[in-house]
Protein backbone atom coordinates (compact mmCIF):
# COMPACT_ATOMS: atom_id res chain seq x y z
CA GLN A 1 16.17 -39.68 32.52
CA VAL A 2 16.16 -42.30 29.77
CA GLN A 3 14.37 -41.53 26.60
CA LEU A 4 13.12 -44.58 24.64
CA VAL A 5 12.13 -45.11 20.94
CA GLU A 6 10.59 -48.39 19.86
CA SER A 7 10.50 -49.70 16.31
CA GLY A 8 9.98 -52.92 14.37
CA GLY A 9 6.29 -53.40 14.70
CA GLY A 10 4.05 -54.28 11.76
CA LEU A 11 1.54 -56.66 10.28
CA VAL A 12 2.35 -60.35 10.25
CA GLN A 13 0.47 -63.57 9.72
CA ALA A 14 -0.06 -65.93 12.58
CA GLY A 15 2.95 -68.22 13.03
CA GLY A 16 5.27 -65.49 11.76
CA SER A 17 8.01 -63.49 13.56
CA LEU A 18 8.90 -59.90 14.37
CA ARG A 19 11.82 -58.32 16.09
CA LEU A 20 11.18 -55.16 18.12
CA SER A 21 13.88 -52.72 19.10
CA CYS A 22 13.94 -50.05 21.75
CA ALA A 23 16.75 -47.51 21.46
CA ALA A 24 17.58 -45.66 24.68
CA SER A 25 19.34 -42.34 25.12
CA GLY A 26 21.09 -41.75 28.35
CA SER A 27 24.23 -42.96 29.85
CA ILE A 28 22.55 -44.97 32.59
CA PHE A 29 21.05 -47.59 30.22
CA ALA A 30 23.62 -50.33 31.21
CA ASN A 31 22.65 -49.87 34.85
CA ASN A 32 18.93 -50.33 34.44
CA ALA A 33 16.68 -53.25 34.06
CA MET A 34 14.48 -52.86 30.99
CA ALA A 35 11.12 -54.36 30.15
CA TRP A 36 8.62 -54.80 27.29
CA TYR A 37 4.97 -54.36 27.89
CA ARG A 38 1.96 -54.52 25.67
CA GLN A 39 -1.53 -53.12 25.55
CA ALA A 40 -4.32 -54.61 23.45
CA PRO A 41 -7.46 -52.67 22.59
CA GLY A 42 -9.84 -52.48 25.55
CA LYS A 43 -7.33 -54.20 27.89
CA GLN A 44 -4.88 -53.12 30.51
CA ARG A 45 -1.22 -52.79 29.84
CA GLU A 46 0.65 -55.97 30.77
CA LEU A 47 4.20 -56.91 31.40
CA VAL A 48 5.64 -59.14 28.76
CA ALA A 49 9.35 -59.59 29.58
CA ILE A 50 12.08 -58.20 31.75
CA ILE A 51 15.84 -58.17 31.32
CA ALA A 52 18.02 -57.27 34.33
CA LYS A 53 21.29 -55.33 34.04
CA ASP A 54 23.05 -58.66 34.50
CA GLY A 55 21.17 -60.16 31.51
CA SER A 56 18.83 -62.41 33.57
CA THR A 57 15.30 -62.54 32.06
CA SER A 58 11.76 -63.38 33.03
CA TYR A 59 8.58 -63.67 30.90
CA ALA A 60 4.89 -63.65 31.11
CA ASP A 61 3.49 -67.22 30.87
CA SER A 62 1.53 -66.26 27.72
CA VAL A 63 4.88 -65.60 25.75
CA LYS A 64 7.21 -67.98 27.43
CA GLY A 65 9.05 -70.12 24.92
CA ARG A 66 8.01 -67.84 22.00
CA PHE A 67 9.51 -64.48 22.84
CA THR A 68 13.06 -63.59 23.75
CA ILE A 69 14.22 -60.33 25.34
CA SER A 70 17.84 -59.29 24.94
CA ARG A 71 19.99 -56.25 25.26
CA ASP A 72 23.08 -54.68 23.65
CA ASN A 73 24.50 -52.23 26.11
CA ALA A 74 27.09 -50.98 23.67
CA LYS A 75 24.21 -49.87 21.38
CA ASN A 76 21.84 -48.81 24.29
CA THR A 77 19.23 -51.02 22.71
CA VAL A 78 16.88 -53.71 24.07
CA TYR A 79 15.21 -56.21 21.76
CA LEU A 80 12.16 -58.42 21.77
CA GLU A 81 12.27 -61.33 19.31
CA MET A 82 8.72 -62.67 18.85
CA ASN A 83 8.24 -66.02 17.21
CA ARG A 84 5.13 -68.16 16.51
CA LEU A 85 2.99 -65.13 16.82
CA LYS A 86 -0.70 -65.52 17.51
CA PRO A 87 -3.58 -63.17 16.84
CA GLU A 88 -3.83 -62.62 20.61
CA ASP A 89 -0.37 -61.07 20.58
CA THR A 90 -1.89 -58.05 18.67
CA ALA A 91 -1.18 -54.95 20.78
CA VAL A 92 0.87 -51.86 21.09
CA TYR A 93 4.23 -52.79 22.51
CA TYR A 94 6.16 -50.46 24.78
CA CYS A 95 9.55 -50.62 26.38
CA ARG A 96 10.24 -49.23 29.72
CA ASP A 97 13.14 -48.44 32.01
CA TYR A 98 11.96 -50.92 34.61
CA PRO A 99 10.26 -50.78 37.01
CA PHE A 100 9.22 -47.13 37.36
CA GLY A 101 11.11 -45.24 34.70
CA SER A 102 10.43 -43.82 31.26
CA TRP A 103 8.01 -45.23 28.59
CA GLY A 104 8.57 -45.19 24.94
CA GLN A 105 5.84 -44.21 22.47
CA GLY A 106 4.97 -47.75 21.52
CA THR A 107 4.98 -49.71 18.23
CA GLN A 108 1.97 -51.50 16.89
CA VAL A 109 2.08 -55.26 16.33
CA THR A 110 -0.85 -56.78 14.36
CA VAL A 111 -1.09 -60.59 13.88
CA SER A 112 -3.64 -61.72 11.36
CA SER A 113 -5.30 -65.23 11.56
């Protein structure tokens, strides 16, 4: 079982950037696809980005071209670089051992207009 701890959230103005990190414990990290999800108040949790163990990536249409997911297998860490942030990106962001594995506790991202 992989344990996950997210960090890097915060308050940022629209147009700004943040970089989220998700540190994973467990020796199987390099063999797993990883994903970032988000959940805004009153909305369902949605998939934001996936990175496969070979490094291939996919994104939700709403973040394509603005967000970049990456991984460092040597550090057991997955990242989400978020640029040109919008108020509608405000949410709690979670990482996950994709598709059915562990969740982290989440990190709050708030984008002010």
